[in-house]
């Protein structure tokens, strides 16, 4: 499952069916919670879309793991701080079982 758009195309019931077919975990590449960086890396999803995608997977009872990219903001201290804060916020909003850094 590469993008959150896949989660939006499926209803919670369809996701539950995938769980019944033994889909046990989704590894979700969040990358960052910083909207500016999401656009820069051409993620193809907004902060809110990723939060909703993660919540749909969890609502279906599927374990969710999220991956973020540390250092994505580069060496600018202000951008790095913003990346860290927004990434912490998105992880709190999605609440995955295990964030992978």
N, C-alpha and C. Protein backbone atom coordinates (compact mmCIF):
# COMPACT_ATOMS: atom_id res chain seq x y z
N UNK A 1 0.85 -1.17 0.00
CA UNK A 1 0.00 0.00 0.00
C UNK A 1 0.89 1.23 0.00
N UNK A 2 0.95 1.90 -1.13
CA UNK A 2 1.93 2.94 -1.30
C UNK A 2 1.46 4.32 -0.87
N UNK A 3 0.21 4.65 -1.10
CA UNK A 3 -0.24 6.00 -0.79
C UNK A 3 -1.53 5.96 0.00
N UNK A 4 -1.82 7.05 0.71
CA UNK A 4 -3.06 7.08 1.46
C UNK A 4 -4.28 7.03 0.57
N UNK A 5 -4.13 7.39 -0.72
CA UNK A 5 -5.28 7.35 -1.61
C UNK A 5 -5.89 5.97 -1.71
N UNK A 6 -5.09 4.92 -1.58
CA UNK A 6 -5.62 3.57 -1.61
C UNK A 6 -6.60 3.36 -0.45
N UNK A 7 -6.29 3.90 0.70
CA UNK A 7 -7.16 3.75 1.85
C UNK A 7 -8.49 4.47 1.63
N UNK A 8 -8.46 5.57 0.90
CA UNK A 8 -9.68 6.32 0.64
C UNK A 8 -10.58 5.62 -0.36
N UNK A 9 -10.02 4.83 -1.24
CA UNK A 9 -10.82 4.11 -2.22
C UNK A 9 -11.56 2.94 -1.61
N UNK A 10 -11.14 2.52 -0.45
CA UNK A 10 -11.76 1.37 0.20
C UNK A 10 -12.58 1.84 1.40
N UNK A 11 -13.73 1.24 1.54
CA UNK A 11 -14.55 1.54 2.72
C UNK A 11 -13.94 0.83 3.92
N UNK A 12 -14.37 1.22 5.09
CA UNK A 12 -13.89 0.55 6.30
C UNK A 12 -14.28 -0.92 6.23
N UNK A 13 -15.45 -1.20 5.68
CA UNK A 13 -15.88 -2.60 5.55
C UNK A 13 -14.93 -3.39 4.64
N UNK A 14 -14.50 -2.77 3.53
CA UNK A 14 -13.56 -3.43 2.64
C UNK A 14 -12.21 -3.64 3.33
N UNK A 15 -11.77 -2.65 4.11
CA UNK A 15 -10.53 -2.81 4.86
C UNK A 15 -10.67 -3.93 5.90
N UNK A 16 -11.85 -4.03 6.51
CA UNK A 16 -12.09 -5.12 7.47
C UNK A 16 -12.02 -6.47 6.78
N UNK A 17 -12.50 -6.52 5.54
CA UNK A 17 -12.42 -7.76 4.77
C UNK A 17 -10.97 -8.14 4.51
N UNK A 18 -10.13 -7.14 4.23
CA UNK A 18 -8.71 -7.42 4.06
C UNK A 18 -8.11 -7.96 5.35
N UNK A 19 -8.54 -7.42 6.47
CA UNK A 19 -8.07 -7.93 7.76
C UNK A 19 -8.49 -9.39 7.94
N UNK A 20 -9.73 -9.69 7.58
CA UNK A 20 -10.21 -11.08 7.67
C UNK A 20 -9.41 -12.01 6.77
N UNK A 21 -8.87 -11.47 5.70
CA UNK A 21 -8.04 -12.26 4.77
C UNK A 21 -6.58 -12.26 5.19
N UNK A 22 -6.35 -11.88 6.44
CA UNK A 22 -5.03 -11.97 7.08
C UNK A 22 -4.09 -10.80 6.83
N UNK A 23 -4.61 -9.65 6.39
CA UNK A 23 -3.77 -8.45 6.36
C UNK A 23 -3.61 -8.01 7.80
N UNK A 24 -2.42 -8.14 8.32
CA UNK A 24 -2.21 -7.88 9.74
C UNK A 24 -1.65 -6.50 10.06
N UNK A 25 -0.91 -5.93 9.11
CA UNK A 25 -0.25 -4.66 9.40
C UNK A 25 -0.08 -3.86 8.11
N UNK A 26 -0.21 -2.55 8.23
CA UNK A 26 0.08 -1.64 7.13
C UNK A 26 1.27 -0.79 7.54
N UNK A 27 2.27 -0.75 6.69
CA UNK A 27 3.43 0.10 6.90
C UNK A 27 3.20 1.37 6.08
N UNK A 28 3.01 2.46 6.77
CA UNK A 28 2.56 3.71 6.16
C UNK A 28 3.71 4.70 6.13
N UNK A 29 4.16 5.08 4.94
CA UNK A 29 5.25 6.04 4.79
C UNK A 29 4.75 7.46 4.93
N UNK A 30 4.67 7.95 6.15
CA UNK A 30 4.21 9.31 6.41
C UNK A 30 5.27 10.32 5.95
N UNK A 31 6.51 10.06 6.20
CA UNK A 31 7.68 10.88 5.87
C UNK A 31 7.80 12.12 6.75
N UNK A 32 6.76 12.97 6.80
CA UNK A 32 6.78 14.20 7.59
C UNK A 32 5.37 14.68 7.83
N UNK A 33 5.20 15.51 8.83
CA UNK A 33 3.92 16.16 9.06
C UNK A 33 3.92 17.60 8.57
N UNK A 34 5.03 18.05 8.06
CA UNK A 34 5.21 19.43 7.61
C UNK A 34 4.64 19.59 6.20
N UNK A 35 3.56 20.38 6.07
CA UNK A 35 2.89 20.58 4.78
C UNK A 35 3.85 21.08 3.70
N UNK A 36 4.74 22.00 4.07
CA UNK A 36 5.70 22.54 3.10
C UNK A 36 6.60 21.43 2.55
N UNK A 37 7.09 20.57 3.44
CA UNK A 37 7.94 19.46 3.00
C UNK A 37 7.15 18.43 2.21
N UNK A 38 5.90 18.20 2.57
CA UNK A 38 5.07 17.25 1.82
C UNK A 38 4.95 17.70 0.36
N UNK A 39 4.78 18.99 0.16
CA UNK A 39 4.71 19.52 -1.20
C UNK A 39 6.06 19.41 -1.89
N UNK A 40 7.12 19.74 -1.17
CA UNK A 40 8.47 19.73 -1.74
C UNK A 40 8.87 18.33 -2.22
N UNK A 41 8.51 17.32 -1.46
CA UNK A 41 8.87 15.95 -1.84
C UNK A 41 7.81 15.31 -2.75
N UNK A 42 6.78 16.09 -3.08
CA UNK A 42 5.70 15.63 -3.94
C UNK A 42 5.05 14.35 -3.42
N UNK A 43 4.71 14.40 -2.13
CA UNK A 43 4.10 13.25 -1.47
C UNK A 43 2.77 12.87 -2.10
N UNK A 44 2.03 13.86 -2.56
CA UNK A 44 0.74 13.56 -3.17
C UNK A 44 -0.38 13.42 -2.16
N UNK A 45 -0.13 13.85 -0.94
CA UNK A 45 -1.13 13.80 0.12
C UNK A 45 -0.86 14.93 1.10
N UNK A 46 -1.93 15.42 1.70
CA UNK A 46 -1.81 16.45 2.71
C UNK A 46 -1.73 15.80 4.09
N UNK A 47 -1.41 16.64 5.05
CA UNK A 47 -1.39 16.21 6.46
C UNK A 47 -2.73 15.54 6.80
N UNK A 48 -3.81 16.24 6.51
CA UNK A 48 -5.14 15.75 6.89
C UNK A 48 -5.49 14.45 6.15
N UNK A 49 -5.14 14.34 4.89
CA UNK A 49 -5.40 13.10 4.16
C UNK A 49 -4.68 11.92 4.78
N UNK A 50 -3.45 12.15 5.22
CA UNK A 50 -2.70 11.06 5.84
C UNK A 50 -3.28 10.68 7.19
N UNK A 51 -3.73 11.67 7.95
CA UNK A 51 -4.35 11.37 9.24
C UNK A 51 -5.62 10.54 9.01
N UNK A 52 -6.45 10.98 8.07
CA UNK A 52 -7.68 10.24 7.79
C UNK A 52 -7.39 8.83 7.30
N UNK A 53 -6.39 8.68 6.45
CA UNK A 53 -6.02 7.35 5.95
C UNK A 53 -5.60 6.43 7.09
N UNK A 54 -4.77 6.95 7.97
CA UNK A 54 -4.33 6.16 9.11
C UNK A 54 -5.48 5.77 10.02
N UNK A 55 -6.38 6.68 10.24
CA UNK A 55 -7.53 6.40 11.11
C UNK A 55 -8.46 5.36 10.50
N UNK A 56 -8.61 5.40 9.17
CA UNK A 56 -9.46 4.40 8.51
C UNK A 56 -8.88 3.00 8.68
N UNK A 57 -7.59 2.88 8.52
CA UNK A 57 -6.93 1.58 8.69
C UNK A 57 -7.13 1.09 10.12
N UNK A 58 -6.92 1.98 11.08
CA UNK A 58 -7.08 1.59 12.49
C UNK A 58 -8.53 1.25 12.80
N UNK A 59 -9.46 2.01 12.23
CA UNK A 59 -10.88 1.74 12.45
C UNK A 59 -11.25 0.34 11.96
N UNK A 60 -10.57 -0.11 10.92
CA UNK A 60 -10.81 -1.45 10.39
C UNK A 60 -10.16 -2.54 11.25
N UNK A 61 -9.39 -2.12 12.25
CA UNK A 61 -8.76 -3.09 13.14
C UNK A 61 -7.42 -3.61 12.65
N UNK A 62 -6.84 -2.92 11.66
CA UNK A 62 -5.54 -3.32 11.12
C UNK A 62 -4.44 -2.56 11.85
N UNK A 63 -3.40 -3.25 12.23
CA UNK A 63 -2.27 -2.63 12.90
C UNK A 63 -1.60 -1.65 11.95
N UNK A 64 -1.25 -0.48 12.46
CA UNK A 64 -0.65 0.56 11.63
C UNK A 64 0.73 0.93 12.17
N UNK A 65 1.72 0.87 11.28
CA UNK A 65 3.06 1.34 11.59
C UNK A 65 3.36 2.49 10.65
N UNK A 66 3.97 3.54 11.15
CA UNK A 66 4.26 4.72 10.34
C UNK A 66 5.76 4.96 10.27
N UNK A 67 6.22 5.32 9.08
CA UNK A 67 7.63 5.62 8.87
C UNK A 67 7.80 7.10 8.59
N UNK A 68 8.77 7.73 9.24
CA UNK A 68 9.09 9.13 8.99
C UNK A 68 10.56 9.23 8.60
N UNK A 69 10.90 10.30 7.92
CA UNK A 69 12.28 10.50 7.47
C UNK A 69 12.92 11.62 8.27
N UNK A 70 13.77 11.25 9.19
CA UNK A 70 14.50 12.25 9.96
C UNK A 70 15.48 12.96 9.05
N UNK A 71 15.70 14.22 9.27
CA UNK A 71 16.66 14.97 8.47
C UNK A 71 16.11 15.45 7.15
N UNK A 72 14.84 15.19 6.87
CA UNK A 72 14.24 15.57 5.60
C UNK A 72 14.26 17.08 5.38
N UNK A 73 14.26 17.85 6.43
CA UNK A 73 14.24 19.31 6.32
C UNK A 73 15.60 19.90 6.01
N UNK A 74 16.63 19.11 6.09
CA UNK A 74 17.97 19.63 5.83
C UNK A 74 18.60 20.23 7.07
N UNK A 75 19.55 21.15 6.86
CA UNK A 75 20.35 21.66 7.97
C UNK A 75 19.84 22.98 8.56
N UNK A 76 18.87 23.61 7.94
CA UNK A 76 18.31 24.86 8.47
C UNK A 76 17.62 24.55 9.81
N UNK A 77 18.10 25.15 10.91
CA UNK A 77 17.55 24.82 12.24
C UNK A 77 16.05 25.10 12.36
N UNK A 78 15.58 26.18 11.78
CA UNK A 78 14.15 26.50 11.88
C UNK A 78 13.30 25.48 11.12
N UNK A 79 13.73 25.11 9.92
CA UNK A 79 12.99 24.12 9.14
C UNK A 79 13.06 22.75 9.80
N UNK A 80 14.20 22.42 10.38
CA UNK A 80 14.34 21.15 11.08
C UNK A 80 13.42 21.09 12.30
N UNK A 81 13.32 22.20 13.02
CA UNK A 81 12.43 22.26 14.18
C UNK A 81 10.97 22.10 13.75
N UNK A 82 10.60 22.80 12.67
CA UNK A 82 9.23 22.71 12.17
C UNK A 82 8.92 21.28 11.73
N UNK A 83 9.84 20.65 11.02
CA UNK A 83 9.68 19.26 10.58
C UNK A 83 9.48 18.34 11.79
N UNK A 84 10.31 18.51 12.80
CA UNK A 84 10.22 17.67 14.00
C UNK A 84 8.89 17.87 14.72
N UNK A 85 8.49 19.12 14.89
CA UNK A 85 7.23 19.41 15.60
C UNK A 85 6.01 18.90 14.84
N UNK A 86 5.98 19.14 13.54
CA UNK A 86 4.83 18.71 12.74
C UNK A 86 4.79 17.19 12.59
N UNK A 87 5.95 16.57 12.55
CA UNK A 87 5.99 15.11 12.47
C UNK A 87 5.51 14.50 13.78
N UNK A 88 5.91 15.08 14.89
CA UNK A 88 5.41 14.60 16.19
C UNK A 88 3.90 14.77 16.27
N UNK A 89 3.41 15.88 15.74
CA UNK A 89 1.96 16.13 15.77
C UNK A 89 1.20 15.12 14.92
N UNK A 90 1.70 14.82 13.71
CA UNK A 90 0.97 13.87 12.87
C UNK A 90 1.01 12.46 13.47
N UNK A 91 2.14 12.11 14.08
CA UNK A 91 2.20 10.80 14.74
C UNK A 91 1.23 10.73 15.90
N UNK A 92 1.08 11.81 16.63
CA UNK A 92 0.09 11.85 17.71
C UNK A 92 -1.33 11.73 17.16
N UNK A 93 -1.59 12.41 16.05
CA UNK A 93 -2.93 12.37 15.46
C UNK A 93 -3.26 11.01 14.86
N UNK A 94 -2.27 10.36 14.25
CA UNK A 94 -2.51 9.04 13.66
C UNK A 94 -2.44 7.95 14.72
N UNK A 95 -1.53 8.08 15.66
CA UNK A 95 -1.33 7.12 16.75
C UNK A 95 -1.03 5.71 16.26
N UNK A 96 0.04 5.55 15.48
CA UNK A 96 0.40 4.21 15.01
C UNK A 96 0.93 3.37 16.17
N UNK A 97 0.92 2.06 15.96
CA UNK A 97 1.44 1.16 16.99
C UNK A 97 2.95 1.36 17.15
N UNK A 98 3.64 1.65 16.03
CA UNK A 98 5.08 1.83 16.12
C UNK A 98 5.56 2.80 15.05
N UNK A 99 5.98 3.98 15.45
CA UNK A 99 6.61 4.85 14.45
C UNK A 99 8.02 4.37 14.18
N UNK A 100 8.39 4.29 12.91
CA UNK A 100 9.74 3.90 12.54
C UNK A 100 10.47 5.14 12.06
N UNK A 101 11.61 5.40 12.66
CA UNK A 101 12.35 6.61 12.33
C UNK A 101 13.56 6.28 11.48
